[in-house]
Amino acid sequence: EQPEEIPQPAPRRISQERQRITGLPLYFQGYLSIRHSRRQEFRVYWTELRGTMLFFYDDKKAPTYSQKLDISALTSVTNVYPDENGSAQFILMLSNGELELKADDCECGKEWKGFILTVTELSVPPDESLLPEQLRRMHEVLEKEKKRITLSSCSSASLNTKSPLGSAFTTMPACFYAVSRQEAIEMLEKNPSCGNLILRPGSDSKNYAITIRQKLDAPRLKHYKVMSKGTGYVIELERQVTLPSLQDVVNYFVTQTRGNLQPYVIQ
């Protein structure tokens, strides 16, 4: 069963940490129960909608998520329907499967559905049961998401990425985080079990950088510039290496160290 406490925003420090890790704006949050198939039991998560991603946290105060789901490929959402316990259920139909969600009640479920449709369809759903205040917030989120997409597309264009502008969000390696050099160091030091290689924006905001933490005789931190050049990327080494994609850049470090370097991915 879902917690009975009234959902409150996460403390500011935790919220800032989540923002650093995800690199995405927060649009909506609250408790949701989820399951990936009817054979599973529902599990409660503190859930955040950021951009077109859902992040699931084991605890409302946990700084790092335990699961995430890209809903940009959403194909449809079922109607919100009550169950025998008074909770409200609905299903997200995705190109690669489905996810069943359960909210506290029908009003909460319709609100979640409304925000999800707003960011995935880039329009506020015409649901007459939504309250004026809910619709106002969805229109605000819609404008923020449109602006985010525009800025991201401009950034992708300036970096000469090979991907079409619309797919800019899905082509980044899993170990990419919109963090600074110091924040990347802190992430690697605090959670070594997650990996030891982070791809991040470069200090000039036009290129990229790799931060690694290796344990040899003692922990060593290193940073490598990854420059955008034409349709590829150049790793600034003694002998420059040019690769066609950022994922190939990450793979290069993994293979060259025979697996001693692993992408930093929060499970």
Protein backbone atom coordinates (compact mmCIF):
# COMPACT_ATOMS: atom_id res chain seq x y z
CA GLU A 1 0.00 0.00 0.00
CA GLN A 2 1.09 3.56 -0.62
CA PRO A 3 2.25 5.79 2.23
CA GLU A 4 -0.54 7.81 3.83
CA GLU A 5 1.53 10.96 4.35
CA ILE A 6 0.79 13.96 2.17
CA PRO A 7 3.50 14.11 -0.54
CA GLN A 8 5.94 16.95 0.10
CA PRO A 9 8.77 18.11 -2.15
CA ALA A 10 12.18 16.63 -1.43
CA PRO A 11 14.48 18.83 0.69
CA ARG A 12 16.35 21.44 -1.35
CA ARG A 13 19.75 19.73 -1.01
CA ILE A 14 18.39 16.42 -2.30
CA SER A 15 16.50 18.17 -5.08
CA GLN A 16 19.70 19.91 -6.20
CA GLU A 17 21.60 16.60 -6.18
CA ARG A 18 18.92 14.96 -8.32
CA GLN A 19 19.04 17.89 -10.71
CA ARG A 20 22.82 17.49 -11.08
CA ILE A 21 22.58 13.75 -11.69
CA THR A 22 19.68 13.77 -14.15
CA GLY A 23 20.41 17.08 -15.87
CA LEU A 24 16.67 17.47 -16.52
CA PRO A 25 14.04 19.90 -15.18
CA LEU A 26 11.48 18.63 -12.67
CA TYR A 27 7.88 18.88 -13.91
CA PHE A 28 5.85 16.69 -11.53
CA GLN A 29 6.44 14.37 -8.57
CA GLY A 30 4.70 12.13 -6.07
CA TYR A 31 4.22 8.52 -5.04
CA LEU A 32 3.44 5.93 -7.71
CA SER A 33 3.29 2.14 -7.57
CA ILE A 34 4.62 0.38 -10.67
CA ARG A 35 4.93 -3.07 -12.16
CA HIS A 36 6.20 -4.24 -15.53
CA SER A 37 3.90 -7.26 -15.85
CA ARG A 38 0.77 -8.72 -14.29
CA ARG A 39 2.94 -11.47 -12.77
CA GLN A 40 4.72 -8.93 -10.57
CA GLU A 41 3.59 -7.22 -7.41
CA PHE A 42 3.25 -3.44 -7.42
CA ARG A 43 6.14 -1.58 -5.79
CA VAL A 44 5.91 1.96 -4.42
CA TYR A 45 8.40 4.59 -5.58
CA TRP A 46 8.77 8.31 -5.11
CA THR A 47 8.51 9.28 -8.77
CA GLU A 48 9.69 12.33 -10.68
CA LEU A 49 8.79 13.39 -14.20
CA ARG A 50 11.82 15.19 -15.65
CA GLY A 51 11.74 16.07 -19.33
CA THR A 52 10.42 12.92 -21.01
CA MET A 53 11.94 10.65 -18.36
CA LEU A 54 10.39 9.06 -15.27
CA PHE A 55 12.82 8.57 -12.38
CA PHE A 56 11.89 6.16 -9.59
CA TYR A 57 13.41 6.54 -6.12
CA ASP A 58 13.25 3.94 -3.32
CA ASP A 59 12.79 6.74 -0.83
CA LYS A 60 11.62 10.33 -1.08
CA LYS A 61 14.96 11.46 0.37
CA ALA A 62 17.18 9.25 -1.79
CA PRO A 63 19.50 11.43 -3.94
CA THR A 64 19.95 8.78 -6.66
CA TYR A 65 17.22 6.94 -8.55
CA SER A 66 16.88 3.15 -8.62
CA GLN A 67 15.11 2.98 -11.98
CA LYS A 68 14.40 5.29 -14.89
CA LEU A 69 12.12 5.07 -17.91
CA ASP A 70 12.30 6.99 -21.17
CA ILE A 71 8.69 7.75 -22.15
CA SER A 72 9.50 9.75 -25.29
CA ALA A 73 8.45 6.69 -27.35
CA LEU A 74 5.02 6.53 -25.68
CA THR A 75 2.39 5.21 -28.07
CA SER A 76 -0.73 5.49 -25.87
CA VAL A 77 -2.07 5.63 -22.31
CA THR A 78 -5.11 3.73 -21.08
CA ASN A 79 -7.96 5.40 -19.22
CA VAL A 80 -7.51 5.83 -15.49
CA TYR A 81 -9.68 3.29 -13.68
CA PRO A 82 -10.24 2.61 -9.95
CA ASP A 83 -9.32 -0.72 -8.38
CA GLU A 84 -11.00 -2.53 -5.49
CA ASN A 85 -8.90 -0.59 -2.94
CA GLY A 86 -9.81 2.87 -4.22
CA SER A 87 -6.47 3.43 -5.95
CA ALA A 88 -6.32 4.44 -9.60
CA GLN A 89 -4.50 2.43 -12.26
CA PHE A 90 -3.45 3.17 -15.82
CA ILE A 91 -1.00 1.68 -18.29
CA LEU A 92 1.71 3.35 -20.37
CA MET A 93 2.01 1.65 -23.76
CA LEU A 94 5.56 2.02 -25.08
CA SER A 95 7.18 0.83 -28.29
CA ASN A 96 9.25 -1.68 -26.29
CA GLY A 97 6.65 -2.82 -23.75
CA GLU A 98 4.25 -1.47 -21.18
CA LEU A 99 4.30 -0.20 -17.60
CA GLU A 100 1.37 -0.37 -15.21
CA LEU A 101 1.06 2.54 -12.79
CA LYS A 102 -1.07 2.99 -9.69
CA ALA A 103 -1.79 6.32 -7.98
CA ASP A 104 -3.53 7.16 -4.70
CA ASP A 105 -6.86 8.00 -6.31
CA CYS A 106 -8.46 8.82 -9.67
CA GLU A 107 -7.76 12.56 -9.41
CA CYS A 108 -4.07 11.91 -8.79
CA GLY A 109 -3.96 9.31 -11.57
CA LYS A 110 -5.54 11.70 -14.09
CA GLU A 111 -3.07 14.39 -13.07
CA TRP A 112 -0.11 12.07 -13.67
CA LYS A 113 -1.58 11.00 -17.01
CA GLY A 114 -2.11 14.64 -17.97
CA PHE A 115 1.50 15.66 -17.28
CA ILE A 116 2.86 12.58 -19.06
CA LEU A 117 0.79 13.30 -22.17
CA THR A 118 1.74 16.98 -22.05
CA VAL A 119 5.49 16.26 -22.37
CA THR A 120 5.23 13.32 -24.78
CA GLU A 121 2.65 14.83 -27.16
CA LEU A 122 3.70 18.46 -26.61
CA SER A 123 0.10 19.48 -26.01
CA VAL A 124 -2.15 19.68 -22.96
CA PRO A 125 -4.74 16.86 -23.13
CA PRO A 126 -8.39 17.95 -23.50
CA ASP A 127 -9.57 16.25 -20.30
CA GLU A 128 -12.67 17.93 -18.89
CA SER A 129 -12.10 16.35 -15.47
CA LEU A 130 -8.84 18.27 -14.95
CA LEU A 131 -9.10 21.29 -12.66
CA PRO A 132 -8.20 24.81 -13.86
CA GLU A 133 -5.10 24.90 -11.62
CA GLN A 134 -3.93 21.55 -12.96
CA LEU A 135 -4.40 22.75 -16.54
CA ARG A 136 -2.50 25.96 -15.78
CA ARG A 137 0.48 23.97 -14.45
CA MET A 138 0.41 21.67 -17.49
CA HIS A 139 0.52 24.68 -19.82
CA GLU A 140 3.54 25.96 -17.86
CA VAL A 141 5.25 22.57 -18.20
CA LEU A 142 4.43 22.52 -21.92
CA GLU A 143 6.19 25.84 -22.47
CA LYS A 144 9.20 24.69 -20.43
CA GLU A 145 9.47 21.44 -22.38
CA LYS A 146 9.23 23.22 -25.73
CA LYS A 147 12.00 25.57 -24.63
CA ARG A 148 14.13 22.63 -23.41
CA ILE A 149 13.77 20.87 -26.76
CA THR A 150 14.66 24.03 -28.66
CA LEU A 151 17.77 24.66 -26.56
CA SER A 152 18.83 21.01 -26.79
CA SER A 153 18.35 21.02 -30.56
CA CYS A 154 20.43 24.20 -30.88
CA SER A 155 23.14 22.65 -28.72
CA SER A 156 23.12 19.49 -30.81
CA ALA A 157 23.39 21.50 -33.99
CA SER A 158 26.32 23.51 -32.66
CA LEU A 159 28.11 20.30 -31.73
CA ASN A 160 27.58 18.94 -35.25
CA THR A 161 26.13 15.70 -33.96
CA LYS A 162 25.34 13.08 -36.56
CA SER A 163 21.92 12.35 -35.08
CA PRO A 164 18.73 14.04 -36.26
CA LEU A 165 17.70 16.84 -33.91
CA GLY A 166 14.64 14.99 -32.71
CA SER A 167 16.66 12.03 -31.46
CA ALA A 168 19.25 14.10 -29.57
CA PHE A 169 17.96 12.86 -26.21
CA THR A 170 18.25 9.14 -26.95
CA THR A 171 21.72 9.02 -28.53
CA MET A 172 23.73 10.05 -25.49
CA PRO A 173 25.66 7.26 -23.70
CA ALA A 174 24.18 6.11 -20.38
CA CYS A 175 27.22 7.50 -18.54
CA PHE A 176 26.59 11.07 -19.72
CA TYR A 177 25.65 13.50 -16.94
CA ALA A 178 25.12 17.24 -17.16
CA VAL A 179 27.57 17.93 -14.34
CA SER A 180 30.70 20.00 -13.78
CA ARG A 181 34.22 18.62 -13.44
CA GLN A 182 34.06 18.80 -9.62
CA GLU A 183 30.61 17.22 -9.49
CA ALA A 184 31.81 14.33 -11.68
CA ILE A 185 34.73 13.76 -9.29
CA GLU A 186 32.37 13.69 -6.31
CA MET A 187 30.04 11.21 -8.04
CA LEU A 188 32.92 8.83 -8.82
CA GLU A 189 34.28 9.07 -5.28
CA LYS A 190 30.94 8.58 -3.54
CA ASN A 191 29.63 5.68 -5.66
CA PRO A 192 32.57 3.62 -6.98
CA SER A 193 30.32 0.57 -7.46
CA CYS A 194 28.40 2.43 -10.21
CA GLY A 195 31.47 2.68 -12.45
CA ASN A 196 34.54 4.84 -12.89
CA LEU A 197 34.02 6.76 -16.15
CA ILE A 198 31.74 9.76 -16.69
CA LEU A 199 31.07 11.64 -19.91
CA ARG A 200 30.13 15.25 -19.22
CA PRO A 201 29.93 18.65 -20.93
CA GLY A 202 33.27 20.36 -21.49
CA SER A 203 34.23 23.52 -19.62
CA ASP A 204 33.50 25.60 -22.73
CA SER A 205 29.97 24.11 -23.03
CA LYS A 206 30.65 23.40 -26.71
CA ASN A 207 32.50 20.11 -26.44
CA TYR A 208 32.71 17.19 -24.04
CA ALA A 209 35.05 15.70 -21.45
CA ILE A 210 35.73 12.29 -19.92
CA THR A 211 36.47 12.02 -16.20
CA ILE A 212 37.87 8.73 -14.89
CA ARG A 213 38.89 7.42 -11.49
CA GLN A 214 41.29 4.49 -11.50
CA LYS A 215 42.48 2.52 -8.50
CA LEU A 216 46.08 1.57 -9.08
CA ASP A 217 48.48 1.97 -6.15
CA ALA A 218 46.15 4.80 -5.11
CA PRO A 219 43.00 6.34 -6.61
CA ARG A 220 43.87 8.52 -9.58
CA LEU A 221 41.63 11.03 -11.30
CA LYS A 222 42.12 12.05 -14.93
CA HIS A 223 40.24 14.23 -17.38
CA TYR A 224 40.28 14.03 -21.18
CA LYS A 225 38.93 16.54 -23.67
CA VAL A 226 36.58 15.22 -26.35
CA MET A 227 36.35 17.74 -29.19
CA SER A 228 33.56 17.83 -31.76
CA LYS A 229 35.03 17.83 -35.25
CA GLY A 230 32.91 17.54 -38.39
CA THR A 231 30.68 14.51 -37.94
CA GLY A 232 32.97 12.84 -35.39
CA TYR A 233 34.73 13.34 -32.06
CA VAL A 234 38.42 13.70 -31.30
CA ILE A 235 39.92 12.47 -28.01
CA GLU A 236 42.79 14.75 -27.02
CA LEU A 237 45.59 12.23 -26.35
CA GLU A 238 49.30 12.26 -27.23
CA ARG A 239 48.15 10.73 -30.49
CA GLN A 240 44.68 12.01 -31.24
CA VAL A 241 41.94 9.44 -31.75
CA THR A 242 38.93 10.26 -33.96
CA LEU A 243 35.71 8.28 -33.54
CA PRO A 244 32.27 8.59 -35.16
CA SER A 245 30.10 8.85 -32.01
CA LEU A 246 30.20 9.59 -28.29
CA GLN A 247 29.29 5.97 -27.55
CA ASP A 248 32.38 4.92 -29.53
CA VAL A 249 34.42 7.33 -27.38
CA VAL A 250 33.20 5.59 -24.21
CA ASN A 251 33.80 2.15 -25.74
CA TYR A 252 37.34 3.17 -26.69
CA PHE A 253 38.28 3.86 -23.06
CA VAL A 254 36.71 0.57 -21.93
CA THR A 255 38.49 -1.57 -24.54
CA GLN A 256 41.85 0.20 -24.24
CA THR A 257 41.90 -0.50 -20.48
CA ARG A 258 40.65 -4.08 -20.99
CA GLY A 259 37.56 -3.36 -18.98
CA ASN A 260 39.28 -1.65 -16.05
CA LEU A 261 37.27 1.43 -16.91
CA GLN A 262 33.50 1.00 -16.80
CA PRO A 263 30.79 3.57 -17.60
CA TYR A 264 29.27 5.19 -14.50
CA VAL A 265 25.62 4.13 -14.54
CA ILE A 266 23.29 4.48 -11.58
CA GLN A 267 21.28 1.27 -11.23
